[in-house]
Protein backbone atom coordinates (compact mmCIF):
# COMPACT_ATOMS: atom_id res chain seq x y z
CA MET A 1 -4.48 -4.65 -13.57
CA ARG A 2 -5.81 -5.92 -10.28
CA LYS A 3 -3.22 -6.67 -7.61
CA GLY A 4 -4.55 -10.21 -7.09
CA LEU A 5 -4.41 -11.10 -10.79
CA VAL A 6 -0.84 -9.85 -11.15
CA ILE A 7 0.34 -12.02 -8.24
CA ALA A 8 -1.70 -14.95 -9.55
CA ALA A 9 -0.16 -14.78 -13.03
CA ALA A 10 3.39 -14.71 -11.66
CA LEU A 11 2.90 -17.59 -9.24
CA SER A 12 0.95 -19.67 -11.77
CA ALA A 13 3.87 -19.42 -14.19
CA LEU A 14 6.26 -20.52 -11.43
CA LEU A 15 4.19 -23.54 -10.44
CA ALA A 16 3.59 -24.53 -14.04
CA ALA A 17 7.34 -24.49 -14.66
CA MET A 18 8.22 -26.76 -11.73
CA PRO A 19 7.50 -30.06 -13.53
CA ALA A 20 10.08 -29.06 -16.16
CA LEU A 21 12.95 -28.77 -13.66
CA SER A 22 16.10 -30.75 -14.39
CA GLY A 23 16.40 -34.26 -13.01
CA GLU A 24 18.99 -33.18 -10.43
CA TRP A 25 16.70 -30.52 -8.97
CA ARG A 26 13.69 -32.85 -9.00
CA MET A 27 15.67 -35.37 -6.95
CA LYS A 28 16.48 -32.68 -4.38
CA PHE A 29 12.81 -31.71 -4.12
CA GLN A 30 11.73 -35.34 -3.66
CA THR A 31 14.06 -36.17 -0.75
CA GLY A 32 12.14 -34.11 1.85
CA PRO A 33 8.67 -34.53 3.36
CA LYS A 34 5.70 -34.54 1.00
CA THR A 35 4.95 -30.87 0.37
CA THR A 36 2.34 -29.11 -1.75
CA ILE A 37 2.68 -25.50 -2.88
CA GLY A 38 -0.58 -24.02 -4.08
CA LEU A 39 -1.97 -20.83 -5.54
CA LYS A 40 -5.60 -19.75 -5.56
CA VAL A 41 -7.37 -16.70 -6.87
CA TRP A 42 -10.53 -15.89 -4.91
CA ASP A 43 -13.01 -13.74 -6.85
CA SER A 44 -15.08 -12.62 -3.87
CA ARG A 45 -17.84 -10.30 -2.70
CA GLY A 46 -18.03 -9.12 0.91
CA GLU A 47 -20.14 -7.10 3.31
CA THR A 48 -19.52 -5.64 6.77
CA THR A 49 -22.38 -4.23 8.85
CA TRP A 50 -22.43 -2.83 12.35
CA SER A 51 -24.95 -1.02 14.55
CA HIS A 52 -25.05 0.30 18.11
CA ASN A 53 -27.57 1.55 20.68
CA ALA A 54 -26.83 4.82 22.49
CA SER A 55 -30.45 5.57 23.42
CA PRO A 56 -29.99 4.86 27.17
CA SER A 57 -27.69 7.90 27.38
CA ASP A 58 -29.71 10.13 25.03
CA PRO A 59 -33.53 9.67 24.83
CA THR A 60 -33.72 11.42 21.46
CA LEU A 61 -31.84 8.57 19.80
CA GLY A 62 -33.39 5.40 18.41
CA ASN A 63 -32.42 1.76 18.71
CA PRO A 64 -30.39 1.13 16.68
CA THR A 65 -28.88 4.59 16.91
CA SER A 66 -26.67 4.19 13.85
CA ARG A 67 -26.04 1.44 11.31
CA LEU A 68 -23.21 1.36 8.76
CA SER A 69 -23.29 -1.20 5.96
CA TYR A 70 -20.34 -1.73 3.63
CA ARG A 71 -22.09 -3.54 0.76
CA ASP A 72 -21.03 -5.42 -2.37
CA ILE A 73 -17.33 -5.07 -1.51
CA ASP A 74 -15.80 -6.87 -4.49
CA SER A 75 -12.20 -8.04 -4.27
CA THR A 76 -9.95 -10.37 -6.25
CA LEU A 77 -7.55 -12.05 -3.81
CA ALA A 78 -4.38 -14.00 -4.58
CA GLU A 79 -3.56 -16.74 -2.07
CA ILE A 80 -0.45 -18.86 -1.66
CA THR A 81 -0.43 -21.97 0.53
CA GLY A 82 2.11 -24.49 1.78
CA HIS A 83 0.99 -27.93 2.99
CA VAL A 84 3.52 -30.29 4.60
CA GLU A 85 2.80 -33.86 5.66
CA LEU A 86 4.32 -34.77 9.03
CA PRO A 87 4.91 -38.11 10.79
CA GLN A 88 1.99 -39.97 12.41
CA ARG A 89 -0.46 -38.67 9.78
CA PHE A 90 -0.22 -35.07 11.00
CA TYR A 91 0.05 -32.14 8.61
CA LEU A 92 0.84 -28.43 8.78
CA GLU A 93 -0.61 -25.82 6.42
CA LEU A 94 0.08 -22.11 6.08
CA ALA A 95 -1.81 -19.66 3.87
CA TYR A 96 -1.62 -15.98 3.02
CA GLY A 97 -4.06 -14.07 0.84
CA SER A 98 -4.18 -10.44 -0.25
CA GLY A 99 -5.92 -8.18 -2.73
CA ASN A 100 -7.45 -4.78 -3.34
CA ILE A 101 -11.11 -3.90 -3.00
CA ASP A 102 -12.34 -3.14 -6.51
CA GLU A 103 -15.67 -1.49 -5.77
CA GLY A 104 -18.54 -1.27 -3.29
CA SER A 105 -20.69 1.17 -1.35
CA LEU A 106 -21.26 2.41 2.19
CA VAL A 107 -24.80 3.05 3.45
CA ASP A 108 -24.83 5.16 6.64
CA GLU A 109 -28.18 5.22 8.50
CA ASP A 110 -29.16 7.15 11.65
CA PHE A 111 -32.33 6.78 13.76
CA LEU A 112 -34.37 8.91 16.17
CA SER A 113 -36.74 7.81 18.90
CA ALA A 114 -40.38 9.00 18.96
CA PHE A 115 -39.33 11.61 21.52
CA GLY A 116 -36.42 12.68 19.31
CA ALA A 117 -38.71 13.06 16.29
CA GLN A 118 -40.98 15.35 18.31
CA PHE A 119 -38.06 17.24 19.87
CA PHE A 120 -36.41 18.03 16.50
CA GLY A 121 -39.69 18.57 14.64
CA THR A 122 -38.98 16.04 11.90
CA SER A 123 -41.28 15.55 8.94
CA GLN A 124 -42.02 11.99 10.12
CA SER A 125 -43.35 11.11 13.56
CA GLY A 126 -42.44 8.16 15.74
CA GLU A 127 -39.17 6.25 15.91
CA HIS A 128 -37.71 6.27 12.40
CA LEU A 129 -34.74 6.48 10.06
CA PHE A 130 -34.07 10.22 9.83
CA SER A 131 -30.88 10.22 7.74
CA GLN A 132 -29.39 7.96 5.11
CA THR A 133 -26.30 8.64 3.00
CA VAL A 134 -24.51 6.56 0.36
CA SER A 135 -20.78 6.72 -0.44
CA ASN A 136 -18.55 4.86 -2.90
CA VAL A 137 -15.91 2.42 -1.63
CA ASN A 138 -12.74 1.70 -3.62
CA ASP A 139 -8.93 1.43 -3.57
CA THR A 140 -8.53 -0.40 -0.26
CA ASP A 141 -7.28 -3.73 1.03
CA VAL A 142 -8.24 -7.23 2.19
CA HIS A 143 -5.72 -9.71 3.56
CA TYR A 144 -5.61 -12.80 5.77
CA TYR A 145 -3.19 -15.29 7.32
CA SER A 146 -3.88 -18.77 8.62
CA LEU A 147 -1.96 -21.56 10.33
CA LYS A 148 -3.54 -25.02 10.41
CA LEU A 149 -2.42 -28.17 12.23
CA GLY A 150 -4.36 -31.31 11.42
CA ARG A 151 -4.33 -35.08 11.45
CA SER A 152 -5.84 -37.69 9.17
CA VAL A 153 -8.25 -39.82 11.23
CA PHE A 154 -9.60 -42.03 8.46
CA GLY A 155 -8.20 -43.18 5.13
CA ASP A 156 -9.52 -45.57 2.51
CA PRO A 157 -7.00 -48.44 2.12
CA ARG A 158 -7.28 -47.93 -1.66
CA LYS A 159 -6.35 -44.25 -1.12
CA ARG A 160 -9.54 -43.02 -2.77
CA GLY A 161 -10.67 -40.93 0.19
CA GLY A 162 -9.94 -39.67 3.67
CA VAL A 163 -11.15 -37.51 6.56
CA GLY A 164 -9.12 -35.33 8.92
CA LEU A 165 -9.56 -33.05 11.92
CA PHE A 166 -7.69 -29.78 12.44
CA GLY A 167 -7.20 -26.70 14.56
CA GLN A 168 -6.62 -23.37 12.86
CA LEU A 169 -5.60 -19.84 13.76
CA GLN A 170 -6.82 -17.17 11.32
CA LEU A 171 -6.32 -13.40 11.10
CA TRP A 172 -8.69 -11.66 8.63
CA SER A 173 -8.47 -7.91 8.00
CA GLU A 174 -10.39 -5.53 5.75
CA GLN A 175 -9.65 -1.82 5.30
CA THR A 176 -12.16 0.31 3.39
CA ARG A 177 -12.33 3.98 2.43
CA ALA A 178 -15.63 5.66 1.57
CA VAL A 179 -15.51 8.59 -0.86
CA GLY A 180 -18.19 11.24 -1.39
CA ILE A 181 -21.69 11.60 0.06
CA ARG A 182 -25.16 11.33 -1.48
CA GLN A 183 -28.01 12.17 0.90
CA THR A 184 -30.90 9.82 0.07
CA VAL A 185 -33.13 10.31 3.16
CA CYS A 186 -33.49 13.29 5.51
CA THR A 187 -36.52 14.09 7.69
CA SER A 188 -34.85 17.11 9.30
CA PRO A 189 -33.33 19.15 6.42
CA ASN A 190 -30.62 21.63 7.37
CA VAL A 191 -31.02 20.75 11.06
CA LEU A 192 -29.76 17.19 11.50
CA CYS A 193 -28.82 16.38 7.90
CA ALA A 194 -28.53 17.81 4.40
CA PRO A 195 -31.69 17.81 2.24
CA ALA A 196 -32.37 14.59 0.34
CA GLY A 197 -30.72 14.78 -3.08
CA PHE A 198 -27.60 16.60 -1.87
CA ALA A 199 -24.33 15.26 -3.30
CA GLY A 200 -20.84 16.45 -2.46
CA PHE A 201 -17.24 15.67 -1.44
CA ALA A 202 -16.87 13.61 -4.60
CA ASP A 203 -13.07 13.31 -4.35
CA THR A 204 -12.84 13.32 -0.55
CA THR A 205 -12.40 10.34 1.78
CA VAL A 206 -15.23 10.78 4.27
CA ILE A 207 -14.92 7.57 6.33
CA LYS A 208 -12.12 5.05 6.82
CA ASN A 209 -12.92 1.67 8.39
CA ASP A 210 -10.54 -1.06 9.64
CA VAL A 211 -11.93 -4.38 10.88
CA ASP A 212 -9.70 -7.18 12.21
CA TRP A 213 -11.05 -10.66 13.04
CA ARG A 214 -8.90 -13.12 15.06
CA SER A 215 -10.32 -16.64 15.22
CA LEU A 216 -9.35 -20.05 16.61
CA PHE A 217 -11.12 -22.81 14.66
CA LEU A 218 -11.89 -26.49 15.02
CA GLY A 219 -12.68 -28.16 11.74
CA VAL A 220 -13.02 -31.23 9.57
CA ASP A 221 -11.69 -31.78 6.07
CA GLY A 222 -11.93 -34.60 3.60
CA TYR A 223 -11.39 -35.69 0.02
CA TYR A 224 -12.67 -38.33 -2.38
CA ARG A 225 -10.99 -39.38 -5.63
CA ILE A 226 -13.79 -39.74 -8.18
CA THR A 227 -11.49 -41.05 -10.90
CA GLU A 228 -7.73 -41.43 -11.21
CA LYS A 229 -7.44 -37.76 -12.17
CA LEU A 230 -10.57 -36.11 -10.73
CA ALA A 231 -11.16 -35.52 -6.98
CA ILE A 232 -13.44 -33.50 -4.74
CA SER A 233 -12.46 -32.09 -1.35
CA GLY A 234 -13.97 -29.86 1.29
CA THR A 235 -13.46 -28.19 4.65
CA LEU A 236 -15.87 -27.00 7.32
CA ALA A 237 -14.57 -25.06 10.32
CA TYR A 238 -16.22 -23.28 13.25
CA SER A 239 -14.71 -20.82 15.71
CA PRO A 240 -16.49 -20.15 19.01
CA LEU A 241 -13.42 -18.07 19.96
CA THR A 242 -13.42 -15.01 17.70
CA GLU A 243 -12.21 -11.58 18.74
CA VAL A 244 -12.86 -8.44 16.68
CA GLU A 245 -11.58 -4.90 16.69
CA ASN A 246 -13.23 -2.38 14.39
CA GLU A 247 -12.24 1.29 14.05
CA ASP A 248 -13.87 4.13 12.11
CA ILE A 249 -12.52 7.57 11.32
CA HIS A 250 -15.15 10.14 10.26
CA PHE A 251 -13.07 12.80 8.54
CA LEU A 252 -15.91 15.33 8.17
CA ARG A 253 -16.90 15.23 11.84
CA THR A 254 -14.97 18.03 13.57
CA ASP A 255 -16.59 17.05 16.88
CA LEU A 256 -14.82 13.67 16.81
CA ALA A 257 -11.23 12.55 17.21
CA GLN A 258 -9.51 11.32 14.07
CA ASN A 259 -7.59 8.27 15.29
CA PRO A 260 -10.12 6.75 15.70
CA SER A 261 -13.52 8.43 15.88
CA PHE A 262 -15.36 5.24 16.85
CA LYS A 263 -14.17 1.85 18.05
CA LEU A 264 -16.05 -1.44 18.34
CA ASP A 265 -14.78 -4.63 19.93
CA GLY A 266 -16.15 -7.85 21.27
CA SER A 267 -16.25 -11.65 21.09
CA GLY A 268 -18.28 -13.82 18.76
CA ASP A 269 -18.02 -16.73 16.35
CA THR A 270 -16.99 -17.50 12.77
CA ILE A 271 -17.78 -20.17 10.21
CA ASN A 272 -15.62 -21.07 7.18
CA ALA A 273 -16.65 -23.51 4.46
CA GLU A 274 -15.12 -24.52 1.15
CA VAL A 275 -15.61 -27.18 -1.52
CA THR A 276 -13.09 -27.79 -4.32
CA LEU A 277 -12.98 -29.90 -7.48
CA SER A 278 -9.45 -30.90 -8.54
CA TYR A 279 -8.04 -32.32 -11.77
CA HIS A 280 -4.57 -33.95 -11.73
CA PHE A 281 -2.84 -33.26 -15.03
CA THR A 282 0.10 -35.30 -13.70
CA PRO A 283 0.56 -37.11 -10.38
CA ASN A 284 2.20 -33.95 -9.02
CA PHE A 285 0.52 -31.05 -10.86
CA ALA A 286 -3.18 -30.23 -10.44
CA GLY A 287 -5.73 -27.55 -11.21
CA HIS A 288 -8.56 -26.57 -8.85
CA ALA A 289 -11.92 -24.77 -8.89
CA GLY A 290 -14.31 -24.29 -5.99
CA LEU A 291 -16.58 -22.20 -3.79
CA ARG A 292 -15.64 -20.51 -0.49
CA TYR A 293 -17.72 -18.85 2.24
CA TRP A 294 -16.64 -16.99 5.41
CA LYS A 295 -18.86 -15.31 8.00
CA ALA A 296 -17.86 -13.73 11.33
CA ARG A 297 -20.31 -12.20 13.83
CA VAL A 298 -20.46 -10.44 17.20
CA GLU A 299 -23.77 -9.37 18.75
CA ASN A 300 -25.24 -7.93 21.95
CA GLU A 301 -21.89 -6.77 23.32
CA THR A 302 -22.45 -4.52 26.35
CA ALA A 303 -20.25 -1.41 26.16
CA GLY A 304 -18.72 -2.80 22.96
CA TRP A 305 -19.04 0.53 21.15
CA SER A 306 -17.15 3.69 22.05
CA VAL A 307 -16.90 7.21 20.66
CA PHE A 308 -13.88 9.49 20.96
CA PRO A 309 -14.90 13.18 21.07
CA ALA A 310 -12.42 15.75 19.80
CA GLU A 311 -12.53 17.16 23.32
CA GLY A 312 -13.93 15.30 26.30
CA ILE A 313 -14.12 11.84 27.78
CA ARG A 314 -14.50 8.60 25.82
CA GLN A 315 -18.14 7.50 25.80
CA PHE A 316 -19.54 3.96 25.70
CA ALA A 317 -22.70 2.33 24.36
CA ASP A 318 -23.96 -1.16 23.55
CA LEU A 319 -22.94 -2.86 20.33
CA ASN A 320 -26.00 -4.48 18.73
CA GLU A 321 -24.09 -6.41 16.08
CA LEU A 322 -20.96 -6.45 13.95
CA GLU A 323 -20.84 -8.89 11.05
CA SER A 324 -18.49 -9.55 8.14
CA GLU A 325 -19.15 -11.93 5.27
CA ARG A 326 -17.11 -12.85 2.20
CA LYS A 327 -17.94 -15.45 -0.45
CA GLY A 328 -17.05 -16.34 -4.01
CA VAL A 329 -15.38 -18.61 -6.54
CA THR A 330 -11.81 -19.92 -6.28
CA VAL A 331 -9.52 -21.21 -9.02
CA GLY A 332 -5.94 -22.36 -8.63
CA VAL A 333 -3.06 -24.73 -9.27
CA SER A 334 -0.78 -26.80 -7.03
CA TYR A 335 2.46 -28.74 -7.30
CA THR A 336 3.47 -31.61 -4.98
CA PHE A 337 7.00 -32.78 -4.33
CA GLY A 338 8.81 -34.84 -1.72
CA GLY A 339 7.67 -38.04 -0.08
CA GLN A 340 9.96 -40.15 -2.30
CA ASN A 341 8.13 -39.01 -5.43
CA LYS A 342 4.78 -40.54 -4.47
CA ALA A 343 1.77 -39.50 -6.45
CA SER A 344 -0.26 -36.62 -5.10
CA GLU A 345 -3.18 -37.85 -3.05
């Protein structure tokens, strides 16, 4: 069973049992600040793509020189959150999510310049894609942490709606392993690449990729109670301060170091958005369903790409772009306690 679903089932049972606690324990829970413990399962699909330009140092290479695309990276993530209301309408929220990557693919593309095509005698002239391989991606990991501090800036006197502003620190990491190789394009067979149609290394990890995004967000959130039991809420956050570090290990490349083989870093931006529909079974216990979208991007980073030869000096080139995206459906439950037993808002 998927890691995310196992965690989700255990935590869902715990939250569902909280309303049945004895009166003595309920009183203890209600004496502190208003606190909400929540669980979400995020059924998501992601993609990470990066490309670089090394043509200024080698005229045979194209621009882009290489592009790696980790596509359709499906993952079921279990997330636990804690939301605490503070004095003066401030609040603090922490979240942690984790899950395995269930499936996906890696497409590895390499390009030659017009001069390179002529120099190597490829079957296609001009600047072009000379090699493309496809590998399977599975059995790896996605996880993230976030810390949010916000304040309510507007509230309906009837408590039917409200708007808040927040700052948020988020760490988002994805680790993928690509297994096997299928050569789908080659214009220089047995010289620069294997002939098209070649397949091999079926049980071998050929590439390992780790990408870490660190972002500082400013955002807005809000909610509106449609009926006594039904409410809609949403968040929109933007980070102009995003740092990324991405490392690749190419296990079949004996000319490259193995920890790492390539490294990409730079600064960019990130956008997070989410909308959620909530149903309150009781004033304190609610179920949730929604949509979530994350996208982080760095582009045009001078000397943002580096290669580590097995022997020799580290080499640099320009990073054209590095982008990660993850989106999907969320479902979850939450339980609210504290605040002198006030109804969940």
